[in-house]
Amino acid sequence: MSPARKVELANLGAWLLKGNADRRDLAARFERDPLVETWGVQPSYRTAMMAAGQPVLFWGSGSRHRLPYGIWGLGEVAGPAAYHPEAGRWLVPLNLVIWDRGSWVPRTELRSDPLLAGLEVFRQPQAANPSYVTAAEFEVLRDYLKPGPTCPR
């Protein structure tokens, strides 16, 4: 396994937050309310770098092959990550919308693109949140993402 690349603001394209849809019914949760206002992260140098206005992708993960796992939504970080005693964990505030299922970008489609073979989520799928996408990878990903207010062309 290759060592993790250090994230620097100069090479950051977007943060990538994962949610395991095998553990919780995330698809039903997002169908009821597609707005994601916070998500759990692990404290690290990466979490300290998260700041309002940075792009963030949501990656639906799982291993049961019952859903099109991959990129489910796009938005922005809304502020710094912090420990929330009432939740007992670190959370990052977000302005992120999960798209309808027909707009999800399956990991199989992304994995077949040689320009995206180095995505950290492919190299280290079990790594803690947040993961990241380089600036170059994010430019390639834009061709796969649904255009909208959070994904300008």
C-alpha atoms as a PDB file:
ATOM      1  CA  MET A   1       0.000   0.000   0.000  1.00  0.00           C
ATOM      2  CA  SER A   2       1.307   3.420  -0.882  1.00  0.00           C
ATOM      3  CA  PRO A   3       1.759   5.935   1.908  1.00  0.00           C
ATOM      4  CA  ALA A   4      -0.868   8.654   2.285  1.00  0.00           C
ATOM      5  CA  ARG A   5      -0.086  11.842   0.419  1.00  0.00           C
ATOM      6  CA  LYS A   6       0.027  14.909   2.615  1.00  0.00           C
ATOM      7  CA  VAL A   7      -2.769  17.339   1.884  1.00  0.00           C
ATOM      8  CA  GLU A   8      -1.812  20.959   1.363  1.00  0.00           C
ATOM      9  CA  LEU A   9      -4.135  23.830   0.523  1.00  0.00           C
ATOM     10  CA  ALA A  10      -2.155  24.361  -2.687  1.00  0.00           C
ATOM     11  CA  ASN A  11      -3.184  20.919  -4.003  1.00  0.00           C
ATOM     12  CA  LEU A  12      -6.651  20.608  -2.428  1.00  0.00           C
ATOM     13  CA  GLY A  13      -9.492  20.386  -4.908  1.00  0.00           C
ATOM     14  CA  ALA A  14     -12.222  19.218  -2.533  1.00  0.00           C
ATOM     15  CA  TRP A  15     -12.782  17.353   0.676  1.00  0.00           C
ATOM     16  CA  LEU A  16     -14.506  13.993   0.385  1.00  0.00           C
ATOM     17  CA  LEU A  17     -16.704  12.771   3.231  1.00  0.00           C
ATOM     18  CA  LYS A  18     -17.813   9.150   3.301  1.00  0.00           C
ATOM     19  CA  GLY A  19     -20.919   7.570   4.727  1.00  0.00           C
ATOM     20  CA  ASN A  20     -21.395   3.800   4.980  1.00  0.00           C
ATOM     21  CA  ALA A  21     -24.815   2.992   3.561  1.00  0.00           C
ATOM     22  CA  ASP A  22     -24.504  -0.632   4.754  1.00  0.00           C
ATOM     23  CA  ARG A  23     -24.525   0.482   8.405  1.00  0.00           C
ATOM     24  CA  ARG A  24     -27.366   3.019   8.163  1.00  0.00           C
ATOM     25  CA  ASP A  25     -30.076   3.543   5.601  1.00  0.00           C
ATOM     26  CA  LEU A  26     -28.505   6.695   4.217  1.00  0.00           C
ATOM     27  CA  ALA A  27     -30.467   6.491   0.961  1.00  0.00           C
ATOM     28  CA  ALA A  28     -33.787   6.722   2.838  1.00  0.00           C
ATOM     29  CA  ARG A  29     -32.445   9.452   5.129  1.00  0.00           C
ATOM     30  CA  PHE A  30     -31.309  11.568   2.172  1.00  0.00           C
ATOM     31  CA  GLU A  31     -34.541  10.918   0.275  1.00  0.00           C
ATOM     32  CA  ARG A  32     -36.452  12.436   3.226  1.00  0.00           C
ATOM     33  CA  ASP A  33     -34.010  15.330   3.632  1.00  0.00           C
ATOM     34  CA  PRO A  34     -31.223  15.798   1.071  1.00  0.00           C
ATOM     35  CA  LEU A  35     -29.571  18.682   2.967  1.00  0.00           C
ATOM     36  CA  VAL A  36     -26.527  17.670   5.017  1.00  0.00           C
ATOM     37  CA  GLU A  37     -25.665  20.329   7.588  1.00  0.00           C
ATOM     38  CA  THR A  38     -23.030  18.416   9.603  1.00  0.00           C
ATOM     39  CA  TRP A  39     -20.967  15.248   9.208  1.00  0.00           C
ATOM     40  CA  GLY A  40     -18.610  13.383  11.507  1.00  0.00           C
ATOM     41  CA  VAL A  41     -14.860  13.769  11.042  1.00  0.00           C
ATOM     42  CA  GLN A  42     -11.768  12.591  12.889  1.00  0.00           C
ATOM     43  CA  PRO A  43      -9.544  15.287  14.393  1.00  0.00           C
ATOM     44  CA  SER A  44      -6.309  15.619  12.437  1.00  0.00           C
ATOM     45  CA  TYR A  45      -4.210  18.138  10.560  1.00  0.00           C
ATOM     46  CA  ARG A  46      -6.761  17.736   7.758  1.00  0.00           C
ATOM     47  CA  THR A  47      -9.722  18.697   9.923  1.00  0.00           C
ATOM     48  CA  ALA A  48      -7.780  21.763  11.043  1.00  0.00           C
ATOM     49  CA  MET A  49      -7.506  22.793   7.366  1.00  0.00           C
ATOM     50  CA  MET A  50     -11.247  22.604   6.680  1.00  0.00           C
ATOM     51  CA  ALA A  51     -12.689  26.097   6.173  1.00  0.00           C
ATOM     52  CA  ALA A  52     -15.870  27.747   4.959  1.00  0.00           C
ATOM     53  CA  GLY A  53     -16.237  27.851   1.197  1.00  0.00           C
ATOM     54  CA  GLN A  54     -14.121  24.796   0.392  1.00  0.00           C
ATOM     55  CA  PRO A  55     -15.839  22.263  -1.895  1.00  0.00           C
ATOM     56  CA  VAL A  56     -16.919  18.972  -0.365  1.00  0.00           C
ATOM     57  CA  LEU A  57     -18.102  15.781  -2.053  1.00  0.00           C
ATOM     58  CA  PHE A  58     -20.213  13.109  -0.371  1.00  0.00           C
ATOM     59  CA  TRP A  59     -19.201   9.510  -1.084  1.00  0.00           C
ATOM     60  CA  GLY A  60     -21.805   6.847  -0.385  1.00  0.00           C
ATOM     61  CA  SER A  61     -19.932   3.664   0.452  1.00  0.00           C
ATOM     62  CA  GLY A  62     -20.791   0.074   1.110  1.00  0.00           C
ATOM     63  CA  SER A  63     -20.010  -3.452   0.062  1.00  0.00           C
ATOM     64  CA  ARG A  64     -23.396  -5.059  -0.548  1.00  0.00           C
ATOM     65  CA  HIS A  65     -23.718  -3.773  -4.140  1.00  0.00           C
ATOM     66  CA  ARG A  66     -27.371  -2.843  -3.602  1.00  0.00           C
ATOM     67  CA  LEU A  67     -26.810   0.854  -4.323  1.00  0.00           C
ATOM     68  CA  PRO A  68     -24.740   2.824  -6.849  1.00  0.00           C
ATOM     69  CA  TYR A  69     -21.996   3.640  -4.342  1.00  0.00           C
ATOM     70  CA  GLY A  70     -19.840   6.609  -5.299  1.00  0.00           C
ATOM     71  CA  ILE A  71     -20.413  10.364  -5.369  1.00  0.00           C
ATOM     72  CA  TRP A  72     -23.888  11.207  -4.105  1.00  0.00           C
ATOM     73  CA  GLY A  73     -23.647  14.952  -3.612  1.00  0.00           C
ATOM     74  CA  LEU A  74     -21.663  18.151  -3.646  1.00  0.00           C
ATOM     75  CA  GLY A  75     -21.547  21.241  -1.489  1.00  0.00           C
ATOM     76  CA  GLU A  76     -19.299  23.405   0.646  1.00  0.00           C
ATOM     77  CA  VAL A  77     -17.772  23.406   4.072  1.00  0.00           C
ATOM     78  CA  ALA A  78     -19.700  25.982   6.129  1.00  0.00           C
ATOM     79  CA  GLY A  79     -17.165  26.517   8.920  1.00  0.00           C
ATOM     80  CA  PRO A  80     -14.397  24.905  10.932  1.00  0.00           C
ATOM     81  CA  ALA A  81     -14.705  21.389  12.319  1.00  0.00           C
ATOM     82  CA  ALA A  82     -15.095  21.228  16.094  1.00  0.00           C
ATOM     83  CA  TYR A  83     -15.782  18.814  18.919  1.00  0.00           C
ATOM     84  CA  HIS A  84     -19.467  18.705  19.873  1.00  0.00           C
ATOM     85  CA  PRO A  85     -19.908  17.342  23.404  1.00  0.00           C
ATOM     86  CA  GLU A  86     -23.647  16.751  22.894  1.00  0.00           C
ATOM     87  CA  ALA A  87     -22.844  14.451  19.954  1.00  0.00           C
ATOM     88  CA  GLY A  88     -19.699  13.059  21.575  1.00  0.00           C
ATOM     89  CA  ARG A  89     -17.679  13.553  18.401  1.00  0.00           C
ATOM     90  CA  TRP A  90     -16.119  15.979  15.950  1.00  0.00           C
ATOM     91  CA  LEU A  91     -18.444  17.463  13.335  1.00  0.00           C
ATOM     92  CA  VAL A  92     -17.884  19.757  10.390  1.00  0.00           C
ATOM     93  CA  PRO A  93     -20.667  22.172   9.390  1.00  0.00           C
ATOM     94  CA  LEU A  94     -21.737  21.808   5.773  1.00  0.00           C
ATOM     95  CA  ASN A  95     -23.966  23.177   3.091  1.00  0.00           C
ATOM     96  CA  LEU A  96     -24.163  19.971   1.071  1.00  0.00           C
ATOM     97  CA  VAL A  97     -27.018  18.547  -0.962  1.00  0.00           C
ATOM     98  CA  ILE A  98     -27.403  14.877  -1.813  1.00  0.00           C
ATOM     99  CA  TRP A  99     -28.731  14.506  -5.345  1.00  0.00           C
ATOM    100  CA  ASP A 100     -31.584  12.218  -6.370  1.00  0.00           C
ATOM    101  CA  ARG A 101     -30.430   8.654  -7.085  1.00  0.00           C
ATOM    102  CA  GLY A 102     -30.464   9.155 -10.830  1.00  0.00           C
ATOM    103  CA  SER A 103     -27.685  11.745 -10.498  1.00  0.00           C
ATOM    104  CA  TRP A 104     -25.341   9.700  -8.299  1.00  0.00           C
ATOM    105  CA  VAL A 105     -22.009   8.949  -9.973  1.00  0.00           C
ATOM    106  CA  PRO A 106     -21.161   5.269  -9.449  1.00  0.00           C
ATOM    107  CA  ARG A 107     -17.681   4.358  -8.267  1.00  0.00           C
ATOM    108  CA  THR A 108     -17.437   1.808 -11.093  1.00  0.00           C
ATOM    109  CA  GLU A 109     -17.691   4.643 -13.615  1.00  0.00           C
ATOM    110  CA  LEU A 110     -15.097   6.733 -11.792  1.00  0.00           C
ATOM    111  CA  ARG A 111     -12.734   3.808 -11.259  1.00  0.00           C
ATOM    112  CA  SER A 112     -12.642   3.157 -14.998  1.00  0.00           C
ATOM    113  CA  ASP A 113     -11.221   6.635 -15.659  1.00  0.00           C
ATOM    114  CA  PRO A 114      -7.388   6.438 -15.659  1.00  0.00           C
ATOM    115  CA  LEU A 115      -7.185  10.100 -14.583  1.00  0.00           C
ATOM    116  CA  LEU A 116      -9.023   9.189 -11.362  1.00  0.00           C
ATOM    117  CA  ALA A 117      -7.177   5.958 -10.533  1.00  0.00           C
ATOM    118  CA  GLY A 118      -5.204   7.748  -7.811  1.00  0.00           C
ATOM    119  CA  LEU A 119      -8.244   8.987  -5.857  1.00  0.00           C
ATOM    120  CA  GLU A 120      -7.570   8.514  -2.175  1.00  0.00           C
ATOM    121  CA  VAL A 121     -10.992   6.901  -1.686  1.00  0.00           C
ATOM    122  CA  PHE A 122      -9.838   4.117  -4.056  1.00  0.00           C
ATOM    123  CA  ARG A 123      -6.374   3.774  -2.528  1.00  0.00           C
ATOM    124  CA  GLN A 124      -7.523   3.923   1.109  1.00  0.00           C
ATOM    125  CA  PRO A 125     -11.270   3.242   1.238  1.00  0.00           C
ATOM    126  CA  GLN A 126     -11.235   2.579   4.997  1.00  0.00           C
ATOM    127  CA  ALA A 127      -9.456   5.835   5.906  1.00  0.00           C
ATOM    128  CA  ALA A 128     -11.244   8.148   8.327  1.00  0.00           C
ATOM    129  CA  ASN A 129     -13.085  11.309   7.293  1.00  0.00           C
ATOM    130  CA  PRO A 130     -12.086  13.641   5.818  1.00  0.00           C
ATOM    131  CA  SER A 131     -10.559  12.254   2.687  1.00  0.00           C
ATOM    132  CA  TYR A 132      -9.561  14.584  -0.122  1.00  0.00           C
ATOM    133  CA  VAL A 133      -9.442  15.068  -3.871  1.00  0.00           C
ATOM    134  CA  THR A 134      -6.551  16.914  -5.483  1.00  0.00           C
ATOM    135  CA  ALA A 135      -7.165  20.010  -7.591  1.00  0.00           C
ATOM    136  CA  ALA A 136      -6.341  18.048 -10.771  1.00  0.00           C
ATOM    137  CA  GLU A 137      -8.688  15.187  -9.796  1.00  0.00           C
ATOM    138  CA  PHE A 138     -11.485  17.634  -8.972  1.00  0.00           C
ATOM    139  CA  GLU A 139     -11.173  19.189 -12.431  1.00  0.00           C
ATOM    140  CA  VAL A 140     -11.619  15.732 -13.997  1.00  0.00           C
ATOM    141  CA  LEU A 141     -14.516  14.953 -11.636  1.00  0.00           C
ATOM    142  CA  ARG A 142     -16.390  18.085 -12.724  1.00  0.00           C
ATOM    143  CA  ASP A 143     -17.183  16.322 -16.016  1.00  0.00           C
ATOM    144  CA  TYR A 144     -19.036  13.633 -14.053  1.00  0.00           C
ATOM    145  CA  LEU A 145     -20.903  15.919 -11.655  1.00  0.00           C
ATOM    146  CA  LYS A 146     -24.346  17.341 -12.160  1.00  0.00           C
ATOM    147  CA  PRO A 147     -24.094  21.057 -13.021  1.00  0.00           C
ATOM    148  CA  GLY A 148     -25.732  23.355 -10.523  1.00  0.00           C
ATOM    149  CA  PRO A 149     -25.069  26.149  -8.060  1.00  0.00           C
ATOM    150  CA  THR A 150     -22.433  24.091  -6.233  1.00  0.00           C
ATOM    151  CA  CYS A 151     -20.753  22.825  -9.398  1.00  0.00           C
ATOM    152  CA  PRO A 152     -20.154  25.649 -11.845  1.00  0.00           C
ATOM    153  CA  ARG A 153     -18.848  24.786 -15.288  1.00  0.00           C
END
